Amino acid sequence: MGHREDLLEGAKSCLLEKGFARTTARDIVKASGTNLASIGYHYGSKDALLAQAYVALVEGMSGAFDAEAGPEGAPGSLERFRWVWSRIADTMREPGSVWRLSMEVMTIELPEVRAHLAAAQREGGRGLVALLMGVPEEEVSDEAADTLGRFYLTLMTGLIAQWTFDPETAPDGDALTEGLRRVVEAARED
């Protein structure tokens, strides 16, 4: 690997160990075996590097959805919804979960970092739509990413908050699916 990749891997490691606010440039350099000048040269700033590392960590979570048999349930079904949200909840149970880091990242007020992460939001929503609806990401329209994708991201943010605050009572895929089923039933009655 080159310095750019080494820095990204070092930053990912530091984020999971120390979080965003407590990670210094020297921590990243030590973890990556590079030098301080490399951060500025390759990423512009420590914060920009950490933002990219965070996005890479979130993107790496897709492995939790690579079941041998593939997602359960037909695209768009309650079974598929349960399968996806159960996998997401399972990743929140893991020690050093990237989702707990997400709560810290949500509160960062650095414009450069927020701009980078805001740009990644649409793609995160697009990925959730693709997974839940059973289509390739490139086939998810911007309109679907901006509506259904944002709905799923809002659900994800609330789930992250609940798992961070109180993992003992946080909902799992079954509870979320039952809640959605009740919403759909109530909507049908109207």
N, C-alpha and C. Protein backbone atom coordinates (compact mmCIF):
# COMPACT_ATOMS: atom_id res chain seq x y z
N MET A 1 0.84 -1.19 0.00
CA MET A 1 0.00 0.00 0.00
C MET A 1 0.88 1.25 0.00
N GLY A 2 0.36 2.33 -0.57
CA GLY A 2 1.04 3.61 -0.53
C GLY A 2 0.64 4.39 0.70
N HIS A 3 1.24 5.56 0.86
CA HIS A 3 0.94 6.38 2.03
C HIS A 3 -0.55 6.72 2.12
N ARG A 4 -1.18 7.03 0.99
CA ARG A 4 -2.60 7.40 1.01
C ARG A 4 -3.44 6.28 1.63
N GLU A 5 -3.25 5.07 1.18
CA GLU A 5 -4.01 3.93 1.70
C GLU A 5 -3.63 3.62 3.15
N ASP A 6 -2.32 3.74 3.46
CA ASP A 6 -1.87 3.50 4.83
C ASP A 6 -2.52 4.50 5.79
N LEU A 7 -2.59 5.75 5.36
CA LEU A 7 -3.22 6.77 6.20
C LEU A 7 -4.70 6.45 6.43
N LEU A 8 -5.39 6.05 5.38
CA LEU A 8 -6.80 5.73 5.51
C LEU A 8 -7.01 4.57 6.48
N GLU A 9 -6.20 3.53 6.36
CA GLU A 9 -6.32 2.39 7.27
C GLU A 9 -5.98 2.79 8.71
N GLY A 10 -4.94 3.59 8.87
CA GLY A 10 -4.58 4.07 10.20
C GLY A 10 -5.68 4.92 10.81
N ALA A 11 -6.28 5.78 10.00
CA ALA A 11 -7.37 6.63 10.49
C ALA A 11 -8.58 5.80 10.88
N LYS A 12 -8.90 4.78 10.11
CA LYS A 12 -10.03 3.90 10.45
C LYS A 12 -9.78 3.24 11.80
N SER A 13 -8.58 2.75 12.01
CA SER A 13 -8.23 2.10 13.27
C SER A 13 -8.36 3.08 14.43
N CYS A 14 -7.85 4.29 14.25
CA CYS A 14 -7.93 5.30 15.31
C CYS A 14 -9.37 5.70 15.62
N LEU A 15 -10.18 5.83 14.59
CA LEU A 15 -11.59 6.19 14.81
C LEU A 15 -12.29 5.15 15.69
N LEU A 16 -12.07 3.90 15.38
CA LEU A 16 -12.73 2.84 16.16
C LEU A 16 -12.19 2.77 17.58
N GLU A 17 -10.92 3.08 17.75
CA GLU A 17 -10.30 3.01 19.07
C GLU A 17 -10.58 4.25 19.92
N LYS A 18 -10.45 5.44 19.31
CA LYS A 18 -10.49 6.68 20.08
C LYS A 18 -11.67 7.59 19.77
N GLY A 19 -12.31 7.39 18.62
CA GLY A 19 -13.35 8.32 18.21
C GLY A 19 -12.77 9.47 17.42
N PHE A 20 -13.65 10.33 16.93
CA PHE A 20 -13.24 11.43 16.06
C PHE A 20 -12.49 12.51 16.84
N ALA A 21 -13.09 13.00 17.90
CA ALA A 21 -12.54 14.15 18.63
C ALA A 21 -11.21 13.84 19.32
N ARG A 22 -11.02 12.61 19.76
CA ARG A 22 -9.81 12.27 20.50
C ARG A 22 -8.66 11.78 19.62
N THR A 23 -8.90 11.61 18.33
CA THR A 23 -7.85 11.16 17.43
C THR A 23 -7.02 12.35 16.97
N THR A 24 -5.72 12.26 17.17
CA THR A 24 -4.81 13.32 16.72
C THR A 24 -4.13 12.89 15.43
N ALA A 25 -3.53 13.86 14.77
CA ALA A 25 -2.76 13.56 13.56
C ALA A 25 -1.60 12.63 13.91
N ARG A 26 -1.00 12.84 15.06
CA ARG A 26 0.11 11.96 15.48
C ARG A 26 -0.36 10.52 15.71
N ASP A 27 -1.59 10.35 16.21
CA ASP A 27 -2.16 9.00 16.37
C ASP A 27 -2.25 8.31 15.01
N ILE A 28 -2.73 9.04 14.03
CA ILE A 28 -2.90 8.47 12.68
C ILE A 28 -1.55 8.10 12.09
N VAL A 29 -0.58 8.99 12.25
CA VAL A 29 0.77 8.74 11.72
C VAL A 29 1.36 7.50 12.38
N LYS A 30 1.21 7.39 13.68
CA LYS A 30 1.73 6.22 14.39
C LYS A 30 1.06 4.94 13.92
N ALA A 31 -0.27 4.98 13.76
CA ALA A 31 -1.02 3.79 13.34
C ALA A 31 -0.73 3.41 11.88
N SER A 32 -0.38 4.40 11.08
CA SER A 32 -0.19 4.15 9.64
C SER A 32 1.26 3.95 9.23
N GLY A 33 2.19 4.33 10.12
CA GLY A 33 3.61 4.21 9.77
C GLY A 33 4.04 5.22 8.71
N THR A 34 3.32 6.34 8.64
CA THR A 34 3.65 7.37 7.66
C THR A 34 4.22 8.59 8.38
N ASN A 35 4.04 9.78 7.81
CA ASN A 35 4.53 10.99 8.45
C ASN A 35 3.44 12.07 8.40
N LEU A 36 3.62 13.11 9.23
CA LEU A 36 2.61 14.16 9.33
C LEU A 36 2.35 14.87 8.01
N ALA A 37 3.38 15.10 7.24
CA ALA A 37 3.21 15.81 5.98
C ALA A 37 2.32 15.04 5.00
N SER A 38 2.29 13.72 5.14
CA SER A 38 1.48 12.89 4.24
C SER A 38 -0.01 13.18 4.38
N ILE A 39 -0.43 13.52 5.57
CA ILE A 39 -1.85 13.80 5.78
C ILE A 39 -2.27 15.00 4.93
N GLY A 40 -1.54 16.09 5.04
CA GLY A 40 -1.86 17.28 4.26
C GLY A 40 -1.73 17.05 2.77
N TYR A 41 -0.72 16.33 2.38
CA TYR A 41 -0.48 16.09 0.95
C TYR A 41 -1.60 15.27 0.33
N HIS A 42 -2.02 14.20 1.01
CA HIS A 42 -3.01 13.28 0.43
C HIS A 42 -4.46 13.66 0.72
N TYR A 43 -4.72 14.29 1.87
CA TYR A 43 -6.11 14.54 2.26
C TYR A 43 -6.43 16.00 2.56
N GLY A 44 -5.43 16.83 2.67
CA GLY A 44 -5.67 18.24 2.94
C GLY A 44 -5.68 18.57 4.42
N SER A 45 -6.28 17.72 5.22
CA SER A 45 -6.32 17.93 6.67
C SER A 45 -6.63 16.61 7.38
N LYS A 46 -6.33 16.61 8.66
CA LYS A 46 -6.66 15.45 9.49
C LYS A 46 -8.16 15.20 9.49
N ASP A 47 -8.95 16.27 9.60
CA ASP A 47 -10.40 16.12 9.65
C ASP A 47 -10.97 15.55 8.35
N ALA A 48 -10.43 16.01 7.22
CA ALA A 48 -10.89 15.46 5.93
C ALA A 48 -10.54 13.98 5.84
N LEU A 49 -9.36 13.62 6.31
CA LEU A 49 -8.96 12.20 6.33
C LEU A 49 -9.90 11.40 7.22
N LEU A 50 -10.19 11.89 8.40
CA LEU A 50 -11.08 11.16 9.31
C LEU A 50 -12.49 11.03 8.73
N ALA A 51 -12.96 12.06 8.04
CA ALA A 51 -14.27 11.97 7.40
C ALA A 51 -14.28 10.87 6.35
N GLN A 52 -13.25 10.81 5.53
CA GLN A 52 -13.17 9.76 4.51
C GLN A 52 -13.03 8.38 5.15
N ALA A 53 -12.29 8.32 6.25
CA ALA A 53 -12.14 7.04 6.94
C ALA A 53 -13.48 6.58 7.51
N TYR A 54 -14.24 7.52 8.06
CA TYR A 54 -15.56 7.17 8.59
C TYR A 54 -16.47 6.63 7.49
N VAL A 55 -16.51 7.31 6.36
CA VAL A 55 -17.33 6.86 5.24
C VAL A 55 -16.89 5.47 4.80
N ALA A 56 -15.59 5.23 4.75
CA ALA A 56 -15.07 3.91 4.36
C ALA A 56 -15.49 2.84 5.37
N LEU A 57 -15.50 3.18 6.65
CA LEU A 57 -15.95 2.22 7.67
C LEU A 57 -17.42 1.87 7.47
N VAL A 58 -18.24 2.88 7.22
CA VAL A 58 -19.67 2.63 7.00
C VAL A 58 -19.87 1.78 5.75
N GLU A 59 -19.16 2.12 4.67
CA GLU A 59 -19.28 1.34 3.44
C GLU A 59 -18.84 -0.10 3.67
N GLY A 60 -17.87 -0.30 4.54
CA GLY A 60 -17.39 -1.65 4.84
C GLY A 60 -18.39 -2.50 5.59
N MET A 61 -19.43 -1.86 6.14
CA MET A 61 -20.44 -2.61 6.87
C MET A 61 -21.30 -3.46 5.93
N SER A 62 -21.20 -3.23 4.64
CA SER A 62 -22.02 -4.00 3.69
C SER A 62 -21.74 -5.49 3.79
N GLY A 63 -20.59 -5.87 4.31
CA GLY A 63 -20.28 -7.28 4.49
C GLY A 63 -21.27 -8.00 5.40
N ALA A 64 -21.92 -7.25 6.28
CA ALA A 64 -22.91 -7.86 7.17
C ALA A 64 -24.15 -8.32 6.40
N PHE A 65 -24.27 -7.90 5.15
CA PHE A 65 -25.44 -8.24 4.36
C PHE A 65 -25.13 -9.23 3.26
N ASP A 66 -23.93 -9.75 3.26
CA ASP A 66 -23.52 -10.70 2.23
C ASP A 66 -23.75 -12.14 2.70
N ALA A 67 -24.98 -12.46 2.96
CA ALA A 67 -25.31 -13.83 3.36
C ALA A 67 -25.15 -14.75 2.15
N GLU A 68 -24.73 -15.97 2.38
CA GLU A 68 -24.54 -16.92 1.29
C GLU A 68 -25.81 -17.08 0.46
N ALA A 69 -26.93 -17.16 1.11
CA ALA A 69 -28.19 -17.35 0.39
C ALA A 69 -28.78 -16.03 -0.08
N GLY A 70 -28.16 -14.92 0.30
CA GLY A 70 -28.70 -13.62 -0.08
C GLY A 70 -29.79 -13.20 0.88
N PRO A 71 -30.31 -12.00 0.69
CA PRO A 71 -31.35 -11.52 1.59
C PRO A 71 -32.60 -12.41 1.55
N GLU A 72 -33.20 -12.57 2.71
CA GLU A 72 -34.44 -13.33 2.79
C GLU A 72 -35.61 -12.45 2.39
N GLY A 73 -36.62 -13.05 1.83
CA GLY A 73 -37.84 -12.33 1.48
C GLY A 73 -37.77 -11.64 0.13
N ALA A 74 -38.94 -11.47 -0.43
CA ALA A 74 -39.03 -10.80 -1.73
C ALA A 74 -38.67 -9.32 -1.57
N PRO A 75 -38.11 -8.73 -2.61
CA PRO A 75 -37.81 -7.30 -2.55
C PRO A 75 -39.03 -6.49 -2.14
N GLY A 76 -38.84 -5.57 -1.20
CA GLY A 76 -39.92 -4.72 -0.72
C GLY A 76 -40.84 -5.35 0.30
N SER A 77 -40.62 -6.62 0.64
CA SER A 77 -41.51 -7.32 1.56
C SER A 77 -41.14 -7.06 3.03
N LEU A 78 -42.08 -7.38 3.91
CA LEU A 78 -41.79 -7.30 5.34
C LEU A 78 -40.69 -8.27 5.74
N GLU A 79 -40.62 -9.42 5.07
CA GLU A 79 -39.56 -10.40 5.38
C GLU A 79 -38.20 -9.82 5.05
N ARG A 80 -38.09 -9.14 3.90
CA ARG A 80 -36.82 -8.50 3.53
C ARG A 80 -36.51 -7.39 4.51
N PHE A 81 -37.49 -6.59 4.88
CA PHE A 81 -37.31 -5.51 5.85
C PHE A 81 -36.76 -6.08 7.16
N ARG A 82 -37.38 -7.17 7.64
CA ARG A 82 -36.93 -7.81 8.89
C ARG A 82 -35.50 -8.30 8.75
N TRP A 83 -35.17 -8.94 7.63
CA TRP A 83 -33.83 -9.49 7.42
C TRP A 83 -32.78 -8.38 7.45
N VAL A 84 -33.02 -7.29 6.73
CA VAL A 84 -32.05 -6.19 6.65
C VAL A 84 -31.87 -5.53 8.02
N TRP A 85 -32.97 -5.18 8.67
CA TRP A 85 -32.85 -4.46 9.95
C TRP A 85 -32.35 -5.38 11.06
N SER A 86 -32.56 -6.67 10.95
CA SER A 86 -31.96 -7.61 11.91
C SER A 86 -30.44 -7.61 11.76
N ARG A 87 -29.97 -7.61 10.50
CA ARG A 87 -28.52 -7.57 10.25
C ARG A 87 -27.91 -6.28 10.77
N ILE A 88 -28.61 -5.16 10.54
CA ILE A 88 -28.11 -3.87 11.03
C ILE A 88 -28.02 -3.89 12.55
N ALA A 89 -29.07 -4.37 13.22
CA ALA A 89 -29.05 -4.45 14.69
C ALA A 89 -27.94 -5.38 15.17
N ASP A 90 -27.69 -6.47 14.46
CA ASP A 90 -26.60 -7.37 14.84
C ASP A 90 -25.25 -6.66 14.81
N THR A 91 -25.05 -5.78 13.82
CA THR A 91 -23.77 -5.07 13.75
C THR A 91 -23.65 -4.04 14.88
N MET A 92 -24.76 -3.60 15.43
CA MET A 92 -24.71 -2.65 16.53
C MET A 92 -24.33 -3.33 17.84
N ARG A 93 -24.52 -4.62 17.92
CA ARG A 93 -24.18 -5.38 19.13
C ARG A 93 -22.67 -5.60 19.27
N GLU A 94 -21.97 -5.51 18.16
CA GLU A 94 -20.55 -5.83 18.14
C GLU A 94 -19.74 -4.79 18.92
N PRO A 95 -18.72 -5.25 19.67
CA PRO A 95 -17.85 -4.28 20.35
C PRO A 95 -17.14 -3.43 19.29
N GLY A 96 -16.96 -2.16 19.59
CA GLY A 96 -16.29 -1.27 18.65
C GLY A 96 -17.11 -0.99 17.40
N SER A 97 -18.42 -1.07 17.52
CA SER A 97 -19.31 -0.87 16.37
C SER A 97 -19.13 0.52 15.79
N VAL A 98 -19.05 0.57 14.49
CA VAL A 98 -18.93 1.85 13.79
C VAL A 98 -20.16 2.71 14.03
N TRP A 99 -21.29 2.10 14.34
CA TRP A 99 -22.51 2.87 14.53
C TRP A 99 -22.44 3.74 15.79
N ARG A 100 -21.76 3.28 16.82
CA ARG A 100 -21.61 4.11 18.02
C ARG A 100 -20.77 5.35 17.69
N LEU A 101 -19.78 5.15 16.85
CA LEU A 101 -18.98 6.27 16.37
C LEU A 101 -19.86 7.27 15.63
N SER A 102 -20.89 6.78 14.97
CA SER A 102 -21.79 7.65 14.21
C SER A 102 -22.43 8.72 15.08
N MET A 103 -22.74 8.42 16.31
CA MET A 103 -23.36 9.41 17.19
C MET A 103 -22.42 10.58 17.40
N GLU A 104 -21.14 10.30 17.58
CA GLU A 104 -20.15 11.38 17.73
C GLU A 104 -20.04 12.16 16.43
N VAL A 105 -19.96 11.47 15.33
CA VAL A 105 -19.78 12.12 14.03
C VAL A 105 -20.96 13.04 13.72
N MET A 106 -22.16 12.67 14.15
CA MET A 106 -23.34 13.50 13.89
C MET A 106 -23.27 14.86 14.55
N THR A 107 -22.47 14.98 15.59
CA THR A 107 -22.40 16.24 16.34
C THR A 107 -21.23 17.13 15.92
N ILE A 108 -20.42 16.68 15.00
CA ILE A 108 -19.23 17.44 14.58
C ILE A 108 -19.67 18.69 13.84
N GLU A 109 -19.07 19.81 14.18
CA GLU A 109 -19.46 21.07 13.57
C GLU A 109 -18.35 21.64 12.68
N LEU A 110 -17.56 20.81 12.09
CA LEU A 110 -16.52 21.26 11.17
C LEU A 110 -17.09 21.25 9.75
N PRO A 111 -17.20 22.41 9.11
CA PRO A 111 -17.85 22.49 7.79
C PRO A 111 -17.25 21.53 6.76
N GLU A 112 -15.94 21.38 6.73
CA GLU A 112 -15.30 20.49 5.76
C GLU A 112 -15.75 19.04 5.97
N VAL A 113 -15.83 18.63 7.20
CA VAL A 113 -16.24 17.27 7.53
C VAL A 113 -17.72 17.07 7.23
N ARG A 114 -18.54 18.02 7.64
CA ARG A 114 -19.98 17.90 7.41
C ARG A 114 -20.31 17.86 5.93
N ALA A 115 -19.61 18.66 5.13
CA ALA A 115 -19.86 18.66 3.68
C ALA A 115 -19.53 17.30 3.08
N HIS A 116 -18.41 16.71 3.50
CA HIS A 116 -18.03 15.39 2.98
C HIS A 116 -19.06 14.34 3.39
N LEU A 117 -19.48 14.38 4.64
CA LEU A 117 -20.44 13.39 5.13
C LEU A 117 -21.83 13.61 4.55
N ALA A 118 -22.21 14.86 4.35
CA ALA A 118 -23.52 15.13 3.75
C ALA A 118 -23.59 14.56 2.33
N ALA A 119 -22.50 14.67 1.60
CA ALA A 119 -22.47 14.11 0.24
C ALA A 119 -22.62 12.60 0.27
N ALA A 120 -22.14 11.98 1.32
CA ALA A 120 -22.23 10.52 1.43
C ALA A 120 -23.63 10.06 1.85
N GLN A 121 -24.44 10.96 2.40
CA GLN A 121 -25.78 10.59 2.86
C GLN A 121 -26.64 10.03 1.73
N ARG A 122 -26.65 10.71 0.60
CA ARG A 122 -27.50 10.26 -0.51
C ARG A 122 -27.09 8.85 -0.93
N GLU A 123 -25.79 8.61 -0.99
CA GLU A 123 -25.32 7.28 -1.42
C GLU A 123 -25.65 6.22 -0.37
N GLY A 124 -25.61 6.58 0.91
CA GLY A 124 -26.03 5.64 1.94
C GLY A 124 -27.49 5.27 1.81
N GLY A 125 -28.32 6.27 1.56
CA GLY A 125 -29.74 6.01 1.34
C GLY A 125 -29.97 5.17 0.10
N ARG A 126 -29.21 5.46 -0.95
CA ARG A 126 -29.32 4.70 -2.20
C ARG A 126 -28.98 3.22 -1.93
N GLY A 127 -27.95 2.98 -1.13
CA GLY A 127 -27.56 1.61 -0.80
C GLY A 127 -28.64 0.86 -0.04
N LEU A 128 -29.29 1.55 0.91
CA LEU A 128 -30.37 0.91 1.67
C LEU A 128 -31.57 0.61 0.77
N VAL A 129 -31.91 1.55 -0.11
CA VAL A 129 -33.02 1.30 -1.03
C VAL A 129 -32.70 0.08 -1.90
N ALA A 130 -31.49 0.03 -2.43
CA ALA A 130 -31.10 -1.10 -3.29
C ALA A 130 -31.22 -2.42 -2.53
N LEU A 131 -30.73 -2.45 -1.31
CA LEU A 131 -30.77 -3.67 -0.52
C LEU A 131 -32.20 -4.10 -0.19
N LEU A 132 -33.00 -3.15 0.24
CA LEU A 132 -34.37 -3.48 0.64
C LEU A 132 -35.29 -3.75 -0.54
N MET A 133 -35.03 -3.12 -1.67
CA MET A 133 -35.89 -3.28 -2.84
C MET A 133 -35.34 -4.29 -3.84
N GLY A 134 -34.14 -4.82 -3.59
CA GLY A 134 -33.59 -5.87 -4.43
C GLY A 134 -33.18 -5.42 -5.82
N VAL A 135 -32.63 -4.20 -5.93
CA VAL A 135 -32.16 -3.70 -7.22
C VAL A 135 -30.71 -3.25 -7.08
N PRO A 136 -29.98 -3.23 -8.17
CA PRO A 136 -28.61 -2.69 -8.11
C PRO A 136 -28.63 -1.20 -7.75
N GLU A 137 -27.63 -0.75 -7.02
CA GLU A 137 -27.57 0.66 -6.59
C GLU A 137 -27.67 1.62 -7.76
N GLU A 138 -27.03 1.27 -8.87
CA GLU A 138 -27.04 2.19 -10.02
C GLU A 138 -28.43 2.35 -10.64
N GLU A 139 -29.35 1.48 -10.28
CA GLU A 139 -30.73 1.59 -10.78
C GLU A 139 -31.65 2.37 -9.85
N VAL A 140 -31.14 2.74 -8.67
CA VAL A 140 -31.94 3.53 -7.73
C VAL A 140 -31.86 4.99 -8.17
N SER A 141 -33.00 5.58 -8.51
CA SER A 141 -33.04 6.96 -8.99
C SER A 141 -32.68 7.93 -7.87
N ASP A 142 -32.28 9.13 -8.25
CA ASP A 142 -32.01 10.17 -7.25
C ASP A 142 -33.26 10.46 -6.44
N GLU A 143 -34.43 10.45 -7.11
CA GLU A 143 -35.69 10.71 -6.42
C GLU A 143 -35.94 9.65 -5.35
N ALA A 144 -35.69 8.38 -5.67
CA ALA A 144 -35.87 7.32 -4.68
C ALA A 144 -34.85 7.44 -3.55
N ALA A 145 -33.61 7.80 -3.90
CA ALA A 145 -32.58 7.99 -2.87
C ALA A 145 -32.95 9.15 -1.95
N ASP A 146 -33.56 10.19 -2.52
CA ASP A 146 -33.90 11.39 -1.74
C ASP A 146 -35.19 11.27 -0.95
N THR A 147 -36.00 10.27 -1.23
CA THR A 147 -37.25 10.08 -0.49
C THR A 147 -37.17 8.80 0.35
N LEU A 148 -37.25 7.67 -0.29
CA LEU A 148 -37.20 6.40 0.42
C LEU A 148 -35.86 6.22 1.13
N GLY A 149 -34.79 6.62 0.46
CA GLY A 149 -33.47 6.52 1.07
C GLY A 149 -33.36 7.37 2.33
N ARG A 150 -33.89 8.57 2.27
CA ARG A 150 -33.86 9.43 3.46
C ARG A 150 -34.74 8.87 4.57
N PHE A 151 -35.85 8.26 4.20
CA PHE A 151 -36.69 7.61 5.20
C PHE A 151 -35.89 6.52 5.93
N TYR A 152 -35.20 5.67 5.16
CA TYR A 152 -34.41 4.60 5.76
C TYR A 152 -33.26 5.17 6.59
N LEU A 153 -32.63 6.24 6.14
CA LEU A 153 -31.55 6.85 6.91
C LEU A 153 -32.06 7.45 8.22
N THR A 154 -33.28 7.99 8.18
CA THR A 154 -33.88 8.51 9.40
C THR A 154 -34.15 7.37 10.38
N LEU A 155 -34.64 6.26 9.88
CA LEU A 155 -34.85 5.08 10.71
C LEU A 155 -33.50 4.60 11.27
N MET A 156 -32.47 4.59 10.44
CA MET A 156 -31.14 4.16 10.87
C MET A 156 -30.60 5.07 11.98
N THR A 157 -30.76 6.38 11.81
CA THR A 157 -30.26 7.33 12.81
C THR A 157 -30.95 7.11 14.15
N GLY A 158 -32.26 6.91 14.12
CA GLY A 158 -32.98 6.64 15.37
C GLY A 158 -32.54 5.33 16.00
N LEU A 159 -32.31 4.33 15.18
CA LEU A 159 -31.87 3.04 15.69
C LEU A 159 -30.47 3.15 16.32
N ILE A 160 -29.60 3.88 15.65
CA ILE A 160 -28.25 4.10 16.20
C ILE A 160 -28.35 4.81 17.55
N ALA A 161 -29.18 5.83 17.63
CA ALA A 161 -29.34 6.57 18.88
C ALA A 161 -29.84 5.65 20.00
N GLN A 162 -30.82 4.82 19.69
CA GLN A 162 -31.36 3.93 20.72
C GLN A 162 -30.33 2.90 21.16
N TRP A 163 -29.59 2.33 20.21
CA TRP A 163 -28.57 1.34 20.56
C TRP A 163 -27.42 1.97 21.33
N THR A 164 -27.11 3.23 21.04
CA THR A 164 -26.05 3.93 21.76
C THR A 164 -26.50 4.27 23.17
N PHE A 165 -27.73 4.74 23.30
CA PHE A 165 -28.26 5.17 24.59
C PHE A 165 -28.54 3.99 25.51
N ASP A 166 -29.24 2.99 25.01
CA ASP A 166 -29.64 1.87 25.87
C ASP A 166 -29.76 0.58 25.06
N PRO A 167 -28.65 -0.13 24.86
CA PRO A 167 -28.69 -1.35 24.05
C PRO A 167 -29.61 -2.43 24.62
N GLU A 168 -29.88 -2.38 25.90
CA GLU A 168 -30.74 -3.39 26.53
C GLU A 168 -32.17 -3.34 26.01
N THR A 169 -32.65 -2.13 25.69
CA THR A 169 -34.04 -1.99 25.26
C THR A 169 -34.18 -1.54 23.81
N ALA A 170 -33.07 -1.42 23.11
CA ALA A 170 -33.12 -0.98 21.71
C ALA A 170 -33.83 -2.03 20.85
N PRO A 171 -34.57 -1.58 19.84
CA PRO A 171 -35.31 -2.53 19.01
C PRO A 171 -34.40 -3.33 18.09
N ASP A 172 -34.87 -4.49 17.72
CA ASP A 172 -34.17 -5.32 16.74
C ASP A 172 -35.03 -5.37 15.47
N GLY A 173 -34.64 -6.18 14.53
CA GLY A 173 -35.38 -6.29 13.27
C GLY A 173 -36.81 -6.73 13.46
N ASP A 174 -37.05 -7.63 14.41
CA ASP A 174 -38.42 -8.10 14.65
C ASP A 174 -39.31 -6.96 15.16
N ALA A 175 -38.79 -6.18 16.11
CA ALA A 175 -39.59 -5.09 16.67
C ALA A 175 -39.86 -4.03 15.61
N LEU A 176 -38.86 -3.69 14.81
CA LEU A 176 -39.06 -2.69 13.76
C LEU A 176 -40.07 -3.18 12.72
N THR A 177 -40.00 -4.44 12.38
CA THR A 177 -40.93 -4.99 11.39
C THR A 177 -42.35 -4.99 11.92
N GLU A 178 -42.53 -5.34 13.18
CA GLU A 178 -43.87 -5.31 13.77
C GLU A 178 -44.39 -3.88 13.80
N GLY A 179 -43.54 -2.92 14.12
CA GLY A 179 -43.95 -1.51 14.09
C GLY A 179 -44.38 -1.09 12.70
N LEU A 180 -43.60 -1.46 11.68
CA LEU A 180 -43.96 -1.11 10.30
C LEU A 180 -45.27 -1.79 9.90
N ARG A 181 -45.43 -3.04 10.29
CA ARG A 181 -46.67 -3.76 9.96
C ARG A 181 -47.88 -3.02 10.52
N ARG A 182 -47.76 -2.53 11.75
CA ARG A 182 -48.87 -1.81 12.37
C ARG A 182 -49.14 -0.48 11.67
N VAL A 183 -48.08 0.21 11.24
CA VAL A 183 -48.26 1.46 10.50
C VAL A 183 -49.00 1.19 9.19
N VAL A 184 -48.59 0.15 8.48
CA VAL A 184 -49.22 -0.18 7.20
C VAL A 184 -50.68 -0.56 7.42
N GLU A 185 -50.97 -1.36 8.45
CA GLU A 185 -52.35 -1.74 8.73
C GLU A 185 -53.20 -0.52 9.04
N ALA A 186 -52.69 0.40 9.85
CA ALA A 186 -53.44 1.60 10.19
C ALA A 186 -53.68 2.46 8.95
N ALA A 187 -52.71 2.53 8.06
CA ALA A 187 -52.85 3.32 6.83
C ALA A 187 -53.92 2.70 5.92
N ARG A 188 -54.01 1.40 5.91
CA ARG A 188 -55.02 0.71 5.08
C ARG A 188 -56.43 0.98 5.57
N GLU A 189 -56.56 1.19 6.90
CA GLU A 189 -57.88 1.42 7.49
C GLU A 189 -58.41 2.80 7.16
N ASP A 190 -57.53 3.73 6.83
CA ASP A 190 -57.95 5.10 6.53
C ASP A 190 -58.50 5.25 5.16
